Amino acid sequence: MAFEALDVGSDHKERRQIDVVLVTASRCHLCDDARTLLDELSGRYPLAIREVDLESDEGRSIANRLRVPFPPMLLLNGTYFAHGRLSRGKLAKALAEGVGLEEAL
């Protein structure tokens, strides 16, 4: 499943786009869960989501740099956020803060 950036149009000028990198592996059910969660949250937040395969040069580089033991790995605006099973509440709160909303939806 490929993710696309949400069109944030002129009515959302105050909402800054959040760059999301999701590092995934094949046959990873936690990666599937992360994709689903990001897909759902992309309707509420201006996300530019890019998926990186763990077996790619970039994926290995991210995993080595972060010393994360297993996927999925999630980076928000270039900063490590979480890996493994993602917390919907924690992610929604971080995204809300990242786009200047007062509280997570």
N, C-alpha and C. Protein backbone atom coordinates (compact mmCIF):
# COMPACT_ATOMS: atom_id res chain seq x y z
N MET A 1 0.84 -1.17 0.00
CA MET A 1 0.00 0.00 0.00
C MET A 1 0.89 1.23 0.00
N ALA A 2 0.68 2.13 -0.91
CA ALA A 2 1.46 3.36 -0.97
C ALA A 2 0.68 4.48 -0.31
N PHE A 3 1.41 5.35 0.34
CA PHE A 3 0.79 6.48 1.00
C PHE A 3 1.09 7.73 0.18
N GLU A 4 0.17 8.65 0.20
CA GLU A 4 0.36 9.91 -0.49
C GLU A 4 0.16 11.05 0.50
N ALA A 5 0.78 12.18 0.21
CA ALA A 5 0.62 13.35 1.07
C ALA A 5 -0.80 13.86 0.97
N LEU A 6 -1.32 14.32 2.08
CA LEU A 6 -2.65 14.90 2.11
C LEU A 6 -2.58 16.30 1.53
N ASP A 7 -3.50 16.64 0.65
CA ASP A 7 -3.58 17.99 0.11
C ASP A 7 -4.09 18.90 1.20
N VAL A 8 -3.25 19.84 1.63
CA VAL A 8 -3.62 20.68 2.76
C VAL A 8 -4.19 22.02 2.33
N GLY A 9 -4.34 22.31 1.06
CA GLY A 9 -5.04 23.48 0.54
C GLY A 9 -4.95 24.75 1.37
N SER A 10 -5.54 25.80 0.90
CA SER A 10 -5.44 27.12 1.53
C SER A 10 -6.17 27.21 2.86
N ASP A 11 -7.19 26.39 3.09
CA ASP A 11 -7.92 26.46 4.35
C ASP A 11 -7.18 25.81 5.50
N HIS A 12 -6.01 25.21 5.22
CA HIS A 12 -5.23 24.58 6.27
C HIS A 12 -3.83 25.18 6.35
N LYS A 13 -3.67 26.47 6.04
CA LYS A 13 -2.35 27.08 6.01
C LYS A 13 -1.63 27.00 7.35
N GLU A 14 -2.39 27.08 8.44
CA GLU A 14 -1.76 27.05 9.76
C GLU A 14 -1.28 25.65 10.14
N ARG A 15 -1.67 24.65 9.40
CA ARG A 15 -1.29 23.27 9.70
C ARG A 15 -0.05 22.91 8.90
N ARG A 16 1.07 22.74 9.56
CA ARG A 16 2.32 22.39 8.90
C ARG A 16 2.32 20.92 8.53
N GLN A 17 2.83 20.63 7.36
CA GLN A 17 2.94 19.24 6.92
C GLN A 17 3.94 18.50 7.80
N ILE A 18 3.64 17.27 8.12
CA ILE A 18 4.52 16.44 8.92
C ILE A 18 5.09 15.35 8.02
N ASP A 19 6.41 15.30 7.94
CA ASP A 19 7.07 14.27 7.15
C ASP A 19 7.17 13.00 7.98
N VAL A 20 6.62 11.92 7.46
CA VAL A 20 6.58 10.64 8.17
C VAL A 20 7.36 9.62 7.34
N VAL A 21 8.31 8.96 8.00
CA VAL A 21 9.02 7.85 7.36
C VAL A 21 8.68 6.60 8.15
N LEU A 22 8.18 5.61 7.45
CA LEU A 22 7.83 4.33 8.04
C LEU A 22 8.75 3.27 7.45
N VAL A 23 9.60 2.69 8.29
CA VAL A 23 10.51 1.64 7.85
C VAL A 23 9.84 0.30 8.13
N THR A 24 9.68 -0.50 7.08
CA THR A 24 8.92 -1.74 7.18
C THR A 24 9.71 -2.93 6.65
N ALA A 25 9.21 -4.11 6.98
CA ALA A 25 9.78 -5.36 6.47
C ALA A 25 8.65 -6.19 5.88
N SER A 26 9.00 -7.11 5.00
CA SER A 26 7.99 -7.98 4.42
C SER A 26 7.48 -8.95 5.48
N ARG A 27 6.26 -9.38 5.31
CA ARG A 27 5.61 -10.32 6.22
C ARG A 27 5.66 -9.87 7.69
N CYS A 28 5.42 -8.59 7.91
CA CYS A 28 5.47 -8.01 9.25
C CYS A 28 4.08 -7.50 9.61
N HIS A 29 3.38 -8.20 10.51
CA HIS A 29 2.02 -7.80 10.85
C HIS A 29 2.00 -6.46 11.58
N LEU A 30 3.03 -6.13 12.34
CA LEU A 30 3.07 -4.82 13.00
C LEU A 30 3.24 -3.70 11.97
N CYS A 31 3.93 -4.01 10.87
CA CYS A 31 4.08 -3.04 9.78
C CYS A 31 2.72 -2.80 9.11
N ASP A 32 1.97 -3.87 8.92
CA ASP A 32 0.62 -3.74 8.35
C ASP A 32 -0.26 -2.88 9.25
N ASP A 33 -0.16 -3.12 10.56
CA ASP A 33 -0.94 -2.32 11.52
C ASP A 33 -0.53 -0.85 11.47
N ALA A 34 0.77 -0.59 11.35
CA ALA A 34 1.26 0.79 11.29
C ALA A 34 0.75 1.49 10.03
N ARG A 35 0.77 0.78 8.90
CA ARG A 35 0.26 1.36 7.65
C ARG A 35 -1.22 1.74 7.80
N THR A 36 -2.00 0.85 8.40
CA THR A 36 -3.42 1.09 8.59
C THR A 36 -3.65 2.31 9.49
N LEU A 37 -2.90 2.38 10.58
CA LEU A 37 -3.03 3.50 11.51
C LEU A 37 -2.67 4.82 10.83
N LEU A 38 -1.57 4.85 10.10
CA LEU A 38 -1.17 6.07 9.41
C LEU A 38 -2.17 6.46 8.34
N ASP A 39 -2.72 5.47 7.66
CA ASP A 39 -3.73 5.74 6.63
C ASP A 39 -4.95 6.40 7.28
N GLU A 40 -5.38 5.89 8.43
CA GLU A 40 -6.52 6.48 9.14
C GLU A 40 -6.21 7.90 9.61
N LEU A 41 -5.04 8.10 10.18
CA LEU A 41 -4.69 9.42 10.72
C LEU A 41 -4.40 10.45 9.64
N SER A 42 -4.08 9.99 8.44
CA SER A 42 -3.78 10.93 7.36
C SER A 42 -5.01 11.73 6.94
N GLY A 43 -6.19 11.27 7.31
CA GLY A 43 -7.41 12.03 7.03
C GLY A 43 -7.58 13.21 7.97
N ARG A 44 -6.89 13.20 9.10
CA ARG A 44 -7.01 14.27 10.10
C ARG A 44 -5.83 15.22 10.12
N TYR A 45 -4.68 14.71 9.71
CA TYR A 45 -3.44 15.49 9.82
C TYR A 45 -2.76 15.57 8.47
N PRO A 46 -2.03 16.66 8.22
CA PRO A 46 -1.34 16.83 6.93
C PRO A 46 -0.03 16.05 6.90
N LEU A 47 -0.13 14.78 6.55
CA LEU A 47 1.02 13.89 6.57
C LEU A 47 1.59 13.67 5.17
N ALA A 48 2.91 13.69 5.08
CA ALA A 48 3.61 13.28 3.87
C ALA A 48 4.31 11.98 4.25
N ILE A 49 3.70 10.85 3.93
CA ILE A 49 4.17 9.55 4.38
C ILE A 49 5.00 8.88 3.30
N ARG A 50 6.17 8.41 3.73
CA ARG A 50 7.05 7.68 2.81
C ARG A 50 7.44 6.38 3.50
N GLU A 51 7.26 5.30 2.78
CA GLU A 51 7.61 3.98 3.32
C GLU A 51 8.96 3.56 2.77
N VAL A 52 9.80 3.04 3.68
CA VAL A 52 11.14 2.60 3.31
C VAL A 52 11.28 1.13 3.71
N ASP A 53 11.75 0.30 2.79
CA ASP A 53 11.95 -1.12 3.08
C ASP A 53 13.20 -1.28 3.94
N LEU A 54 13.09 -2.04 4.99
CA LEU A 54 14.21 -2.28 5.90
C LEU A 54 15.41 -2.88 5.17
N GLU A 55 15.17 -3.65 4.11
CA GLU A 55 16.26 -4.30 3.38
C GLU A 55 16.95 -3.36 2.39
N SER A 56 16.43 -2.15 2.20
CA SER A 56 17.07 -1.19 1.30
C SER A 56 18.26 -0.55 2.01
N ASP A 57 19.13 0.09 1.25
CA ASP A 57 20.28 0.79 1.85
C ASP A 57 19.80 1.83 2.86
N GLU A 58 18.77 2.58 2.48
CA GLU A 58 18.26 3.61 3.38
C GLU A 58 17.65 2.98 4.65
N GLY A 59 16.91 1.91 4.49
CA GLY A 59 16.30 1.23 5.63
C GLY A 59 17.34 0.70 6.60
N ARG A 60 18.38 0.06 6.06
CA ARG A 60 19.46 -0.45 6.92
C ARG A 60 20.19 0.69 7.62
N SER A 61 20.38 1.78 6.89
CA SER A 61 21.06 2.94 7.48
C SER A 61 20.26 3.52 8.65
N ILE A 62 18.95 3.64 8.47
CA ILE A 62 18.09 4.16 9.54
C ILE A 62 18.13 3.22 10.75
N ALA A 63 17.99 1.92 10.51
CA ALA A 63 17.99 0.94 11.61
C ALA A 63 19.32 0.95 12.35
N ASN A 64 20.42 1.03 11.62
CA ASN A 64 21.73 1.06 12.26
C ASN A 64 21.94 2.34 13.06
N ARG A 65 21.53 3.46 12.49
CA ARG A 65 21.70 4.75 13.16
C ARG A 65 20.88 4.80 14.45
N LEU A 66 19.65 4.30 14.39
CA LEU A 66 18.76 4.35 15.55
C LEU A 66 18.97 3.18 16.51
N ARG A 67 19.65 2.13 16.02
CA ARG A 67 19.87 0.90 16.81
C ARG A 67 18.54 0.30 17.27
N VAL A 68 17.60 0.28 16.36
CA VAL A 68 16.28 -0.27 16.63
C VAL A 68 16.29 -1.74 16.25
N PRO A 69 15.81 -2.62 17.15
CA PRO A 69 15.93 -4.05 16.92
C PRO A 69 14.96 -4.65 15.90
N PHE A 70 13.80 -4.02 15.67
CA PHE A 70 12.84 -4.61 14.74
C PHE A 70 11.86 -3.55 14.23
N PRO A 71 11.27 -3.80 13.05
CA PRO A 71 10.31 -2.88 12.48
C PRO A 71 8.91 -3.07 13.06
N PRO A 72 8.01 -2.19 12.73
CA PRO A 72 8.23 -0.98 11.97
C PRO A 72 8.93 0.08 12.81
N MET A 73 9.59 0.99 12.12
CA MET A 73 10.21 2.15 12.76
C MET A 73 9.51 3.38 12.20
N LEU A 74 9.21 4.33 13.07
CA LEU A 74 8.49 5.52 12.65
C LEU A 74 9.30 6.75 13.01
N LEU A 75 9.53 7.60 12.01
CA LEU A 75 10.20 8.87 12.22
C LEU A 75 9.24 9.98 11.85
N LEU A 76 9.17 11.01 12.66
CA LEU A 76 8.35 12.19 12.39
C LEU A 76 9.28 13.37 12.21
N ASN A 77 9.21 14.00 11.04
CA ASN A 77 10.08 15.12 10.71
C ASN A 77 11.55 14.78 10.98
N GLY A 78 11.95 13.55 10.63
CA GLY A 78 13.33 13.14 10.75
C GLY A 78 13.76 12.67 12.12
N THR A 79 12.86 12.71 13.10
CA THR A 79 13.19 12.32 14.46
C THR A 79 12.51 11.01 14.80
N TYR A 80 13.27 10.12 15.45
CA TYR A 80 12.71 8.84 15.88
C TYR A 80 11.49 9.08 16.76
N PHE A 81 10.41 8.34 16.48
CA PHE A 81 9.20 8.42 17.30
C PHE A 81 8.94 7.11 18.04
N ALA A 82 8.93 6.00 17.31
CA ALA A 82 8.61 4.72 17.94
C ALA A 82 8.97 3.59 16.99
N HIS A 83 8.94 2.38 17.55
CA HIS A 83 9.07 1.17 16.72
C HIS A 83 8.20 0.09 17.33
N GLY A 84 7.97 -0.95 16.55
CA GLY A 84 7.11 -2.03 17.01
C GLY A 84 5.65 -1.61 16.94
N ARG A 85 4.86 -2.08 17.89
CA ARG A 85 3.43 -1.76 17.90
C ARG A 85 3.26 -0.28 18.26
N LEU A 86 2.63 0.48 17.36
CA LEU A 86 2.46 1.91 17.56
C LEU A 86 1.22 2.20 18.40
N SER A 87 1.36 3.13 19.32
CA SER A 87 0.24 3.56 20.15
C SER A 87 -0.56 4.62 19.41
N ARG A 88 -1.83 4.33 19.15
CA ARG A 88 -2.70 5.28 18.45
C ARG A 88 -2.77 6.60 19.21
N GLY A 89 -2.97 6.55 20.52
CA GLY A 89 -3.11 7.76 21.32
C GLY A 89 -1.84 8.59 21.34
N LYS A 90 -0.72 7.94 21.54
CA LYS A 90 0.56 8.65 21.58
C LYS A 90 0.86 9.29 20.23
N LEU A 91 0.61 8.57 19.15
CA LEU A 91 0.87 9.10 17.81
C LEU A 91 -0.08 10.25 17.49
N ALA A 92 -1.36 10.10 17.79
CA ALA A 92 -2.33 11.17 17.53
C ALA A 92 -1.95 12.43 18.31
N LYS A 93 -1.53 12.28 19.54
CA LYS A 93 -1.12 13.44 20.35
C LYS A 93 0.09 14.13 19.74
N ALA A 94 1.09 13.35 19.33
CA ALA A 94 2.29 13.91 18.71
C ALA A 94 1.95 14.63 17.41
N LEU A 95 1.07 14.03 16.61
CA LEU A 95 0.68 14.66 15.35
C LEU A 95 -0.09 15.95 15.61
N ALA A 96 -0.97 15.95 16.59
CA ALA A 96 -1.73 17.14 16.92
C ALA A 96 -0.80 18.26 17.35
N GLU A 97 0.18 17.94 18.17
CA GLU A 97 1.15 18.94 18.60
C GLU A 97 1.98 19.42 17.43
N GLY A 98 2.26 18.53 16.50
CA GLY A 98 3.06 18.88 15.33
C GLY A 98 2.36 19.77 14.35
N VAL A 99 1.05 19.78 14.37
CA VAL A 99 0.31 20.64 13.44
C VAL A 99 -0.35 21.81 14.16
N GLY A 100 -0.06 21.98 15.44
CA GLY A 100 -0.54 23.14 16.17
C GLY A 100 -1.97 23.04 16.67
N LEU A 101 -2.52 21.83 16.79
CA LEU A 101 -3.84 21.69 17.36
C LEU A 101 -3.72 21.64 18.87
N GLU A 102 -4.76 22.01 19.59
CA GLU A 102 -4.69 22.03 21.04
C GLU A 102 -4.71 20.64 21.65
N GLU A 103 -5.43 19.73 21.08
CA GLU A 103 -5.48 18.37 21.59
C GLU A 103 -5.73 17.39 20.47
N ALA A 104 -5.36 16.16 20.69
CA ALA A 104 -5.55 15.13 19.68
C ALA A 104 -7.03 14.89 19.45
N LEU A 105 -7.39 14.60 18.22
CA LEU A 105 -8.78 14.32 17.88
C LEU A 105 -9.13 12.91 18.23
